[in-house]
Amino acid sequence: MDAILSAPLWLQVPLVMVIAVPLATIAAVALVRLVDAVFLAGERAWQATAAPERTDD
């Protein structure tokens, strides 16, 4: 750990980016899927409790 902390900044920044960018991408995809699943469940619950649509217009 001391070797990384004492490394020059021009070397630390790419190392952090190589680790941080893929982790952030994975976290973003997981959060989007979670939000999508929650929205879909809410939409299904809403449709199940909503009154039937009128078709005689």
Protein backbone atom coordinates (compact mmCIF):
# COMPACT_ATOMS: atom_id res chain seq x y z
CA MET A 1 0.00 0.00 0.00
CA ASP A 2 2.86 2.37 0.77
CA ALA A 3 4.25 1.85 -2.72
CA ILE A 4 1.00 3.10 -4.25
CA LEU A 5 0.75 6.08 -1.92
CA SER A 6 4.34 7.12 -2.51
CA ALA A 7 4.09 6.70 -6.30
CA PRO A 8 4.01 9.88 -8.37
CA LEU A 9 0.64 11.39 -9.16
CA TRP A 10 0.96 10.71 -12.90
CA LEU A 11 1.01 7.01 -12.01
CA GLN A 12 -1.66 7.11 -9.29
CA VAL A 13 -4.33 8.75 -11.46
CA PRO A 14 -4.37 6.07 -14.19
CA LEU A 15 -4.34 3.30 -11.58
CA VAL A 16 -7.34 4.83 -9.81
CA MET A 17 -9.18 5.30 -13.12
CA VAL A 18 -8.53 1.70 -14.16
CA ILE A 19 -10.20 0.57 -10.93
CA ALA A 20 -12.83 3.28 -10.38
CA VAL A 21 -14.35 3.52 -13.86
CA PRO A 22 -15.26 -0.19 -14.23
CA LEU A 23 -16.60 -0.30 -10.66
CA ALA A 24 -18.71 2.80 -11.25
CA THR A 25 -20.01 1.31 -14.51
CA ILE A 26 -21.03 -1.90 -12.79
CA ALA A 27 -22.71 0.03 -9.97
CA ALA A 28 -24.58 2.25 -12.46
CA VAL A 29 -25.89 -0.73 -14.42
CA ALA A 30 -27.01 -2.43 -11.21
CA LEU A 31 -28.83 0.70 -10.03
CA VAL A 32 -30.57 1.18 -13.38
CA ARG A 33 -31.75 -2.42 -13.33
CA LEU A 34 -32.98 -2.02 -9.75
CA VAL A 35 -34.91 1.15 -10.60
CA ASP A 36 -36.35 -0.53 -13.70
CA ALA A 37 -37.48 -3.57 -11.70
CA VAL A 38 -39.11 -1.40 -9.02
CA PHE A 39 -40.87 0.69 -11.67
CA LEU A 40 -42.10 -2.43 -13.46
CA ALA A 41 -43.47 -3.89 -10.22
CA GLY A 42 -45.20 -0.61 -9.45
CA GLU A 43 -46.66 -0.42 -12.93
CA ARG A 44 -48.00 -3.96 -12.68
CA ALA A 45 -49.54 -3.21 -9.28
CA TRP A 46 -51.08 -0.02 -10.65
CA GLN A 47 -52.56 -1.86 -13.63
CA ALA A 48 -53.94 -4.59 -11.39
CA THR A 49 -55.79 -2.10 -9.20
CA ALA A 50 -56.85 0.35 -11.93
CA ALA A 51 -60.32 0.34 -13.35
CA PRO A 52 -60.72 -1.31 -16.74
CA GLU A 53 -60.30 1.05 -19.66
CA ARG A 54 -63.38 2.18 -21.55
CA THR A 55 -63.57 0.96 -25.14
CA ASP A 56 -66.89 2.50 -26.17
CA ASP A 57 -65.55 5.99 -26.98
